[in-house]
PDB file of N, CA and C in Angstrom:
ATOM      1  N   MET A   1      19.704 -15.619  18.338  1.00  0.00           N
ATOM      2  CA  MET A   1      19.811 -15.973  16.942  1.00  0.00           C
ATOM      3  C   MET A   1      20.371 -17.384  16.868  1.00  0.00           C
ATOM      4  N   ALA A   2      19.702 -18.224  16.102  1.00  0.00           N
ATOM      5  CA  ALA A   2      20.162 -19.598  15.919  1.00  0.00           C
ATOM      6  C   ALA A   2      20.677 -19.773  14.503  1.00  0.00           C
ATOM      7  N   ARG A   3      21.760 -20.535  14.356  1.00  0.00           N
ATOM      8  CA  ARG A   3      22.297 -20.844  13.033  1.00  0.00           C
ATOM      9  C   ARG A   3      22.106 -22.330  12.769  1.00  0.00           C
ATOM     10  N   VAL A   4      21.664 -22.626  11.565  1.00  0.00           N
ATOM     11  CA  VAL A   4      21.455 -24.006  11.166  1.00  0.00           C
ATOM     12  C   VAL A   4      22.300 -24.255   9.930  1.00  0.00           C
ATOM     13  N   LYS A   5      23.174 -25.266   9.963  1.00  0.00           N
ATOM     14  CA  LYS A   5      24.041 -25.532   8.809  1.00  0.00           C
ATOM     15  C   LYS A   5      23.385 -26.465   7.817  1.00  0.00           C
ATOM     16  N   SER A   6      22.742 -27.522   8.267  1.00  0.00           N
ATOM     17  CA  SER A   6      22.065 -28.419   7.328  1.00  0.00           C
ATOM     18  C   SER A   6      20.835 -29.010   8.008  1.00  0.00           C
ATOM     19  N   ASN A   7      19.684 -28.561   7.565  1.00  0.00           N
ATOM     20  CA  ASN A   7      18.423 -29.050   8.085  1.00  0.00           C
ATOM     21  C   ASN A   7      17.452 -29.112   6.914  1.00  0.00           C
ATOM     22  N   PRO A   8      16.998 -30.287   6.538  1.00  0.00           N
ATOM     23  CA  PRO A   8      16.128 -30.392   5.368  1.00  0.00           C
ATOM     24  C   PRO A   8      14.804 -29.643   5.525  1.00  0.00           C
ATOM     25  N   LEU A   9      14.353 -29.425   6.745  1.00  0.00           N
ATOM     26  CA  LEU A   9      13.099 -28.689   6.945  1.00  0.00           C
ATOM     27  C   LEU A   9      13.220 -27.216   6.595  1.00  0.00           C
ATOM     28  N   LEU A  10      14.379 -26.627   6.834  1.00  0.00           N
ATOM     29  CA  LEU A  10      14.565 -25.198   6.597  1.00  0.00           C
ATOM     30  C   LEU A  10      15.355 -24.892   5.334  1.00  0.00           C
ATOM     31  N   GLN A  11      15.742 -25.901   4.583  1.00  0.00           N
ATOM     32  CA  GLN A  11      16.528 -25.676   3.375  1.00  0.00           C
ATOM     33  C   GLN A  11      15.695 -24.904   2.353  1.00  0.00           C
ATOM     34  N   GLY A  12      16.186 -23.745   1.947  1.00  0.00           N
ATOM     35  CA  GLY A  12      15.504 -22.913   0.964  1.00  0.00           C
ATOM     36  C   GLY A  12      14.397 -22.047   1.534  1.00  0.00           C
ATOM     37  N   VAL A  13      14.086 -22.172   2.811  1.00  0.00           N
ATOM     38  CA  VAL A  13      13.027 -21.377   3.435  1.00  0.00           C
ATOM     39  C   VAL A  13      13.597 -20.022   3.825  1.00  0.00           C
ATOM     40  N   SER A  14      12.828 -18.959   3.553  1.00  0.00           N
ATOM     41  CA  SER A  14      13.227 -17.634   4.021  1.00  0.00           C
ATOM     42  C   SER A  14      11.980 -16.799   4.204  1.00  0.00           C
ATOM     43  N   GLY A  15      12.065 -15.848   5.113  1.00  0.00           N
ATOM     44  CA  GLY A  15      10.953 -14.947   5.339  1.00  0.00           C
ATOM     45  C   GLY A  15      10.414 -15.029   6.746  1.00  0.00           C
ATOM     46  N   LYS A  16       9.389 -14.242   6.982  1.00  0.00           N
ATOM     47  CA  LYS A  16       8.779 -14.133   8.292  1.00  0.00           C
ATOM     48  C   LYS A  16       7.794 -15.270   8.498  1.00  0.00           C
ATOM     49  N   ILE A  17       7.857 -15.894   9.642  1.00  0.00           N
ATOM     50  CA  ILE A  17       6.929 -16.959   9.993  1.00  0.00           C
ATOM     51  C   ILE A  17       6.127 -16.492  11.188  1.00  0.00           C
ATOM     52  N   GLY A  18       4.855 -16.202  10.941  1.00  0.00           N
ATOM     53  CA  GLY A  18       4.001 -15.659  11.990  1.00  0.00           C
ATOM     54  C   GLY A  18       4.528 -14.317  12.444  1.00  0.00           C
ATOM     55  N   ASP A  19       4.330 -14.019  13.715  1.00  0.00           N
ATOM     56  CA  ASP A  19       4.870 -12.794  14.297  1.00  0.00           C
ATOM     57  C   ASP A  19       6.039 -13.105  15.216  1.00  0.00           C
ATOM     58  N   SER A  20       6.545 -14.324  15.117  1.00  0.00           N
ATOM     59  CA  SER A  20       7.555 -14.790  16.060  1.00  0.00           C
ATOM     60  C   SER A  20       8.973 -14.639  15.568  1.00  0.00           C
ATOM     61  N   PHE A  21       9.278 -15.172  14.388  1.00  0.00           N
ATOM     62  CA  PHE A  21      10.669 -15.166  13.958  1.00  0.00           C
ATOM     63  C   PHE A  21      10.792 -15.059  12.447  1.00  0.00           C
ATOM     64  N   VAL A  22      12.055 -14.828  12.026  1.00  0.00           N
ATOM     65  CA  VAL A  22      12.395 -14.665  10.622  1.00  0.00           C
ATOM     66  C   VAL A  22      13.467 -15.693  10.275  1.00  0.00           C
ATOM     67  N   VAL A  23      13.315 -16.328   9.127  1.00  0.00           N
ATOM     68  CA  VAL A  23      14.312 -17.280   8.638  1.00  0.00           C
ATOM     69  C   VAL A  23      15.054 -16.603   7.492  1.00  0.00           C
ATOM     70  N   LYS A  24      16.384 -16.563   7.582  1.00  0.00           N
ATOM     71  CA  LYS A  24      17.221 -15.913   6.569  1.00  0.00           C
ATOM     72  C   LYS A  24      18.233 -16.919   6.041  1.00  0.00           C
ATOM     73  N   GLN A  25      18.513 -16.816   4.739  1.00  0.00           N
ATOM     74  CA  GLN A  25      19.495 -17.694   4.113  1.00  0.00           C
ATOM     75  C   GLN A  25      20.765 -16.884   3.825  1.00  0.00           C
ATOM     76  N   TYR A  26      21.894 -17.372   4.320  1.00  0.00           N
ATOM     77  CA  TYR A  26      23.187 -16.772   4.058  1.00  0.00           C
ATOM     78  C   TYR A  26      24.108 -17.827   3.456  1.00  0.00           C
ATOM     79  N   ARG A  27      25.252 -17.387   2.977  1.00  0.00           N
ATOM     80  CA  ARG A  27      26.226 -18.289   2.375  1.00  0.00           C
ATOM     81  C   ARG A  27      26.622 -19.400   3.338  1.00  0.00           C
ATOM     82  N   TYR A  28      26.763 -19.067   4.602  1.00  0.00           N
ATOM     83  CA  TYR A  28      27.240 -20.013   5.594  1.00  0.00           C
ATOM     84  C   TYR A  28      26.138 -20.859   6.213  1.00  0.00           C
ATOM     85  N   GLY A  29      24.879 -20.604   5.894  1.00  0.00           N
ATOM     86  CA  GLY A  29      23.795 -21.417   6.435  1.00  0.00           C
ATOM     87  C   GLY A  29      22.530 -20.618   6.663  1.00  0.00           C
ATOM     88  N   THR A  30      21.611 -21.219   7.359  1.00  0.00           N
ATOM     89  CA  THR A  30      20.307 -20.626   7.652  1.00  0.00           C
ATOM     90  C   THR A  30      20.351 -19.978   9.025  1.00  0.00           C
ATOM     91  N   VAL A  31      19.780 -18.782   9.139  1.00  0.00           N
ATOM     92  CA  VAL A  31      19.746 -18.064  10.411  1.00  0.00           C
ATOM     93  C   VAL A  31      18.292 -17.837  10.792  1.00  0.00           C
ATOM     94  N   ILE A  32      17.970 -18.141  12.031  1.00  0.00           N
ATOM     95  CA  ILE A  32      16.638 -17.900  12.568  1.00  0.00           C
ATOM     96  C   ILE A  32      16.788 -16.812  13.620  1.00  0.00           C
ATOM     97  N   SER A  33      16.023 -15.712  13.463  1.00  0.00           N
ATOM     98  CA  SER A  33      16.133 -14.603  14.407  1.00  0.00           C
ATOM     99  C   SER A  33      14.751 -14.053  14.724  1.00  0.00           C
ATOM    100  N   ALA A  34      14.696 -13.207  15.729  1.00  0.00           N
ATOM    101  CA  ALA A  34      13.444 -12.553  16.102  1.00  0.00           C
ATOM    102  C   ALA A  34      13.058 -11.549  15.019  1.00  0.00           C
ATOM    103  N   VAL A  35      11.779 -11.268  14.929  1.00  0.00           N
ATOM    104  CA  VAL A  35      11.298 -10.261  13.992  1.00  0.00           C
ATOM    105  C   VAL A  35      11.807  -8.901  14.466  1.00  0.00           C
ATOM    106  N   PRO A  36      12.430  -8.117  13.572  1.00  0.00           N
ATOM    107  CA  PRO A  36      12.957  -6.827  14.005  1.00  0.00           C
ATOM    108  C   PRO A  36      11.839  -5.858  14.392  1.00  0.00           C
ATOM    109  N   ASP A  37      12.094  -5.065  15.414  1.00  0.00           N
ATOM    110  CA  ASP A  37      11.144  -4.060  15.879  1.00  0.00           C
ATOM    111  C   ASP A  37      11.417  -2.765  15.123  1.00  0.00           C
ATOM    112  N   MET A  38      10.551  -2.413  14.189  1.00  0.00           N
ATOM    113  CA  MET A  38      10.761  -1.250  13.324  1.00  0.00           C
ATOM    114  C   MET A  38       9.944  -0.031  13.772  1.00  0.00           C
ATOM    115  N   ARG A  39       9.351  -0.089  14.953  1.00  0.00           N
ATOM    116  CA  ARG A  39       8.482   0.997  15.398  1.00  0.00           C
ATOM    117  C   ARG A  39       9.205   2.331  15.562  1.00  0.00           C
ATOM    118  N   ARG A  40      10.457   2.308  15.955  1.00  0.00           N
ATOM    119  CA  ARG A  40      11.169   3.555  16.223  1.00  0.00           C
ATOM    120  C   ARG A  40      11.998   4.039  15.044  1.00  0.00           C
ATOM    121  N   VAL A  41      11.941   3.346  13.926  1.00  0.00           N
ATOM    122  CA  VAL A  41      12.696   3.747  12.743  1.00  0.00           C
ATOM    123  C   VAL A  41      11.970   4.911  12.068  1.00  0.00           C
ATOM    124  N   LYS A  42      12.685   5.971  11.817  1.00  0.00           N
ATOM    125  CA  LYS A  42      12.119   7.160  11.165  1.00  0.00           C
ATOM    126  C   LYS A  42      12.641   7.227   9.741  1.00  0.00           C
ATOM    127  N   LYS A  43      11.732   7.319   8.793  1.00  0.00           N
ATOM    128  CA  LYS A  43      12.118   7.419   7.388  1.00  0.00           C
ATOM    129  C   LYS A  43      12.491   8.853   7.063  1.00  0.00           C
ATOM    130  N   SER A  44      13.502   8.996   6.215  1.00  0.00           N
ATOM    131  CA  SER A  44      13.909  10.330   5.801  1.00  0.00           C
ATOM    132  C   SER A  44      12.914  10.870   4.780  1.00  0.00           C
ATOM    133  N   ALA A  45      12.998  12.138   4.513  1.00  0.00           N
ATOM    134  CA  ALA A  45      12.109  12.771   3.531  1.00  0.00           C
ATOM    135  C   ALA A  45      12.330  12.162   2.140  1.00  0.00           C
ATOM    136  N   LEU A  46      13.583  11.857   1.819  1.00  0.00           N
ATOM    137  CA  LEU A  46      13.879  11.257   0.522  1.00  0.00           C
ATOM    138  C   LEU A  46      13.295   9.850   0.414  1.00  0.00           C
ATOM    139  N   GLN A  47      13.359   9.068   1.504  1.00  0.00           N
ATOM    140  CA  GLN A  47      12.775   7.734   1.500  1.00  0.00           C
ATOM    141  C   GLN A  47      11.261   7.811   1.287  1.00  0.00           C
ATOM    142  N   LYS A  48      10.625   8.743   1.967  1.00  0.00           N
ATOM    143  CA  LYS A  48       9.175   8.906   1.810  1.00  0.00           C
ATOM    144  C   LYS A  48       8.828   9.314   0.384  1.00  0.00           C
ATOM    145  N   LEU A  49       9.616  10.210  -0.189  1.00  0.00           N
ATOM    146  CA  LEU A  49       9.393  10.647  -1.561  1.00  0.00           C
ATOM    147  C   LEU A  49       9.509   9.475  -2.527  1.00  0.00           C
ATOM    148  N   LYS A  50      10.569   8.679  -2.381  1.00  0.00           N
ATOM    149  CA  LYS A  50      10.787   7.525  -3.265  1.00  0.00           C
ATOM    150  C   LYS A  50       9.687   6.483  -3.098  1.00  0.00           C
ATOM    151  N   GLN A  51       9.257   6.238  -1.857  1.00  0.00           N
ATOM    152  CA  GLN A  51       8.195   5.261  -1.629  1.00  0.00           C
ATOM    153  C   GLN A  51       6.877   5.730  -2.239  1.00  0.00           C
ATOM    154  N   ASN A  52       6.576   7.009  -2.124  1.00  0.00           N
ATOM    155  CA  ASN A  52       5.359   7.549  -2.721  1.00  0.00           C
ATOM    156  C   ASN A  52       5.421   7.474  -4.242  1.00  0.00           C
ATOM    157  N   ARG A  53       6.574   7.758  -4.807  1.00  0.00           N
ATOM    158  CA  ARG A  53       6.745   7.684  -6.256  1.00  0.00           C
ATOM    159  C   ARG A  53       6.568   6.252  -6.743  1.00  0.00           C
ATOM    160  N   PHE A  54       7.110   5.298  -5.994  1.00  0.00           N
ATOM    161  CA  PHE A  54       6.966   3.902  -6.368  1.00  0.00           C
ATOM    162  C   PHE A  54       5.505   3.460  -6.242  1.00  0.00           C
ATOM    163  N   ALA A  55       4.809   3.922  -5.218  1.00  0.00           N
ATOM    164  CA  ALA A  55       3.388   3.600  -5.063  1.00  0.00           C
ATOM    165  C   ALA A  55       2.593   4.146  -6.248  1.00  0.00           C
ATOM    166  N   ASP A  56       2.948   5.338  -6.718  1.00  0.00           N
ATOM    167  CA  ASP A  56       2.291   5.907  -7.904  1.00  0.00           C
ATOM    168  C   ASP A  56       2.578   5.057  -9.138  1.00  0.00           C
ATOM    169  N   ALA A  57       3.802   4.548  -9.245  1.00  0.00           N
ATOM    170  CA  ALA A  57       4.173   3.694 -10.381  1.00  0.00           C
ATOM    171  C   ALA A  57       3.374   2.392 -10.352  1.00  0.00           C
ATOM    172  N   ILE A  58       3.163   1.840  -9.190  1.00  0.00           N
ATOM    173  CA  ILE A  58       2.368   0.623  -9.046  1.00  0.00           C
ATOM    174  C   ILE A  58       0.929   0.891  -9.468  1.00  0.00           C
ATOM    175  N   ALA A  59       0.375   2.007  -9.017  1.00  0.00           N
ATOM    176  CA  ALA A  59      -1.000   2.358  -9.398  1.00  0.00           C
ATOM    177  C   ALA A  59      -1.112   2.545 -10.908  1.00  0.00           C
ATOM    178  N   TYR A  60      -0.111   3.161 -11.521  1.00  0.00           N
ATOM    179  CA  TYR A  60      -0.099   3.357 -12.977  1.00  0.00           C
ATOM    180  C   TYR A  60      -0.080   2.004 -13.688  1.00  0.00           C
ATOM    181  N   ALA A  61       0.789   1.099 -13.249  1.00  0.00           N
ATOM    182  CA  ALA A  61       0.895  -0.214 -13.877  1.00  0.00           C
ATOM    183  C   ALA A  61      -0.404  -1.009 -13.731  1.00  0.00           C
ATOM    184  N   GLN A  62      -1.028  -0.907 -12.574  1.00  0.00           N
ATOM    185  CA  GLN A  62      -2.291  -1.609 -12.366  1.00  0.00           C
ATOM    186  C   GLN A  62      -3.388  -1.048 -13.270  1.00  0.00           C
ATOM    187  N   SER A  63      -3.369   0.273 -13.487  1.00  0.00           N
ATOM    188  CA  SER A  63      -4.373   0.860 -14.376  1.00  0.00           C
ATOM    189  C   SER A  63      -4.158   0.396 -15.814  1.00  0.00           C
ATOM    190  N   ILE A  64      -2.923   0.207 -16.225  1.00  0.00           N
ATOM    191  CA  ILE A  64      -2.619  -0.296 -17.569  1.00  0.00           C
ATOM    192  C   ILE A  64      -3.135  -1.728 -17.705  1.00  0.00           C
ATOM    193  N   ILE A  65      -2.902  -2.536 -16.706  1.00  0.00           N
ATOM    194  CA  ILE A  65      -3.307  -3.943 -16.766  1.00  0.00           C
ATOM    195  C   ILE A  65      -4.829  -4.088 -16.755  1.00  0.00           C
ATOM    196  N   ARG A  66      -5.519  -3.209 -16.060  1.00  0.00           N
ATOM    197  CA  ARG A  66      -6.985  -3.291 -15.989  1.00  0.00           C
ATOM    198  C   ARG A  66      -7.668  -2.890 -17.297  1.00  0.00           C
ATOM    199  N   ASP A  67      -6.996  -2.095 -18.110  1.00  0.00           N
ATOM    200  CA  ASP A  67      -7.570  -1.649 -19.384  1.00  0.00           C
ATOM    201  C   ASP A  67      -7.073  -2.589 -20.500  1.00  0.00           C
ATOM    202  N   PRO A  68      -7.957  -3.425 -21.056  1.00  0.00           N
ATOM    203  CA  PRO A  68      -7.527  -4.407 -22.056  1.00  0.00           C
ATOM    204  C   PRO A  68      -6.873  -3.788 -23.293  1.00  0.00           C
ATOM    205  N   GLU A  69      -7.324  -2.627 -23.718  1.00  0.00           N
ATOM    206  CA  GLU A  69      -6.748  -1.989 -24.904  1.00  0.00           C
ATOM    207  C   GLU A  69      -5.322  -1.518 -24.645  1.00  0.00           C
ATOM    208  N   LYS A  70      -5.112  -0.871 -23.508  1.00  0.00           N
ATOM    209  CA  LYS A  70      -3.767  -0.400 -23.166  1.00  0.00           C
ATOM    210  C   LYS A  70      -2.822  -1.577 -22.943  1.00  0.00           C
ATOM    211  N   LYS A  71      -3.336  -2.618 -22.298  1.00  0.00           N
ATOM    212  CA  LYS A  71      -2.508  -3.792 -22.042  1.00  0.00           C
ATOM    213  C   LYS A  71      -2.075  -4.444 -23.353  1.00  0.00           C
ATOM    214  N   ALA A  72      -2.992  -4.542 -24.297  1.00  0.00           N
ATOM    215  CA  ALA A  72      -2.672  -5.141 -25.599  1.00  0.00           C
ATOM    216  C   ALA A  72      -1.654  -4.286 -26.350  1.00  0.00           C
ATOM    217  N   ALA A  73      -1.787  -2.961 -26.254  1.00  0.00           N
ATOM    218  CA  ALA A  73      -0.838  -2.072 -26.920  1.00  0.00           C
ATOM    219  C   ALA A  73       0.565  -2.233 -26.335  1.00  0.00           C
ATOM    220  N   TYR A  74       0.657  -2.355 -25.021  1.00  0.00           N
ATOM    221  CA  TYR A  74       1.952  -2.580 -24.380  1.00  0.00           C
ATOM    222  C   TYR A  74       2.523  -3.929 -24.794  1.00  0.00           C
ATOM    223  N   ALA A  75       1.678  -4.953 -24.787  1.00  0.00           N
ATOM    224  CA  ALA A  75       2.143  -6.311 -25.078  1.00  0.00           C
ATOM    225  C   ALA A  75       2.724  -6.423 -26.482  1.00  0.00           C
ATOM    226  N   LYS A  76       2.202  -5.659 -27.428  1.00  0.00           N
ATOM    227  CA  LYS A  76       2.694  -5.717 -28.804  1.00  0.00           C
ATOM    228  C   LYS A  76       4.149  -5.275 -28.906  1.00  0.00           C
ATOM    229  N   LYS A  77       4.517  -4.265 -28.146  1.00  0.00           N
ATOM    230  CA  LYS A  77       5.869  -3.708 -28.275  1.00  0.00           C
ATOM    231  C   LYS A  77       6.904  -4.355 -27.353  1.00  0.00           C
ATOM    232  N   LEU A  78       6.500  -5.348 -26.573  1.00  0.00           N
ATOM    233  CA  LEU A  78       7.419  -5.981 -25.627  1.00  0.00           C
ATOM    234  C   LEU A  78       8.140  -7.170 -26.242  1.00  0.00           C
ATOM    235  N   PRO A  79       9.428  -7.319 -25.929  1.00  0.00           N
ATOM    236  CA  PRO A  79      10.140  -8.524 -26.368  1.00  0.00           C
ATOM    237  C   PRO A  79       9.722  -9.734 -25.523  1.00  0.00           C
ATOM    238  N   GLU A  80      10.098 -10.897 -25.964  1.00  0.00           N
ATOM    239  CA  GLU A  80       9.778 -12.141 -25.263  1.00  0.00           C
ATOM    240  C   GLU A  80      10.348 -12.117 -23.841  1.00  0.00           C
ATOM    241  N   GLY A  81       9.544 -12.532 -22.882  1.00  0.00           N
ATOM    242  CA  GLY A  81      10.012 -12.626 -21.505  1.00  0.00           C
ATOM    243  C   GLY A  81       9.743 -11.389 -20.658  1.00  0.00           C
ATOM    244  N   LYS A  82       9.300 -10.301 -21.253  1.00  0.00           N
ATOM    245  CA  LYS A  82       8.996  -9.079 -20.503  1.00  0.00           C
ATOM    246  C   LYS A  82       7.507  -9.047 -20.184  1.00  0.00           C
ATOM    247  N   THR A  83       7.154  -8.473 -19.034  1.00  0.00           N
ATOM    248  CA  THR A  83       5.746  -8.375 -18.669  1.00  0.00           C
ATOM    249  C   THR A  83       5.266  -6.935 -18.814  1.00  0.00           C
ATOM    250  N   VAL A  84       3.979  -6.802 -19.086  1.00  0.00           N
ATOM    251  CA  VAL A  84       3.373  -5.479 -19.225  1.00  0.00           C
ATOM    252  C   VAL A  84       3.478  -4.727 -17.899  1.00  0.00           C
ATOM    253  N   TYR A  85       3.211  -5.416 -16.812  1.00  0.00           N
ATOM    254  CA  TYR A  85       3.221  -4.806 -15.484  1.00  0.00           C
ATOM    255  C   TYR A  85       4.578  -4.183 -15.158  1.00  0.00           C
ATOM    256  N   HIS A  86       5.644  -4.964 -15.300  1.00  0.00           N
ATOM    257  CA  HIS A  86       6.975  -4.456 -14.950  1.00  0.00           C
ATOM    258  C   HIS A  86       7.453  -3.381 -15.929  1.00  0.00           C
ATOM    259  N   THR A  87       7.075  -3.520 -17.186  1.00  0.00           N
ATOM    260  CA  THR A  87       7.457  -2.506 -18.167  1.00  0.00           C
ATOM    261  C   THR A  87       6.757  -1.183 -17.873  1.00  0.00           C
ATOM    262  N   ALA A  88       5.495  -1.248 -17.466  1.00  0.00           N
ATOM    263  CA  ALA A  88       4.754  -0.025 -17.124  1.00  0.00           C
ATOM    264  C   ALA A  88       5.374   0.657 -15.903  1.00  0.00           C
ATOM    265  N   ILE A  89       5.771  -0.112 -14.918  1.00  0.00           N
ATOM    266  CA  ILE A  89       6.432   0.465 -13.735  1.00  0.00           C
ATOM    267  C   ILE A  89       7.733   1.141 -14.151  1.00  0.00           C
ATOM    268  N   GLN A  90       8.517   0.450 -14.951  1.00  0.00           N
ATOM    269  CA  GLN A  90       9.802   0.985 -15.403  1.00  0.00           C
ATOM    270  C   GLN A  90       9.601   2.280 -16.188  1.00  0.00           C
ATOM    271  N   GLU A  91       8.616   2.287 -17.075  1.00  0.00           N
ATOM    272  CA  GLU A  91       8.349   3.481 -17.887  1.00  0.00           C
ATOM    273  C   GLU A  91       7.944   4.670 -17.012  1.00  0.00           C
ATOM    274  N   TYR A  92       7.072   4.412 -16.045  1.00  0.00           N
ATOM    275  CA  TYR A  92       6.616   5.478 -15.154  1.00  0.00           C
ATOM    276  C   TYR A  92       7.784   6.073 -14.366  1.00  0.00           C
ATOM    277  N   LEU A  93       8.620   5.203 -13.832  1.00  0.00           N
ATOM    278  CA  LEU A  93       9.742   5.681 -13.011  1.00  0.00           C
ATOM    279  C   LEU A  93      10.762   6.447 -13.863  1.00  0.00           C
ATOM    280  N   LYS A  94      10.956   6.044 -15.096  1.00  0.00           N
ATOM    281  CA  LYS A  94      11.881   6.775 -15.965  1.00  0.00           C
ATOM    282  C   LYS A  94      11.357   8.171 -16.279  1.00  0.00           C
ATOM    283  N   LYS A  95      10.041   8.284 -16.455  1.00  0.00           N
ATOM    284  CA  LYS A  95       9.451   9.590 -16.778  1.00  0.00           C
ATOM    285  C   LYS A  95       9.433  10.531 -15.574  1.00  0.00           C
ATOM    286  N   HIS A  96       9.248   9.981 -14.378  1.00  0.00           N
ATOM    287  CA  HIS A  96       9.013  10.815 -13.207  1.00  0.00           C
ATOM    288  C   HIS A  96      10.174  10.865 -12.215  1.00  0.00           C
ATOM    289  N   CYS A  97      11.315  10.387 -12.591  1.00  0.00           N
ATOM    290  CA  CYS A  97      12.455  10.444 -11.639  1.00  0.00           C
ATOM    291  C   CYS A  97      13.490  11.433 -12.049  1.00  0.00           C
TER     292      CYS A  97
END
């Protein structure tokens, strides 16, 4: 793991770069590390349930956005700065959690 305190090339950069390494931003500086090996991580039943529920919420929101009439109906009731997509996800999760 390498730590970088001030480097203009990596300032503000974060995320996976290729399959080689990950750049992370922390309070004390930028950290470059290897991509974590997640092959042996086992998800719990609750994690799988939550991930499936969230995937269903995404599918619901996408179906709302694809239908112009439903999208317009959602847009009418939203305050400034809110998106139809995120509101649909939020609504689905509130109903099904």
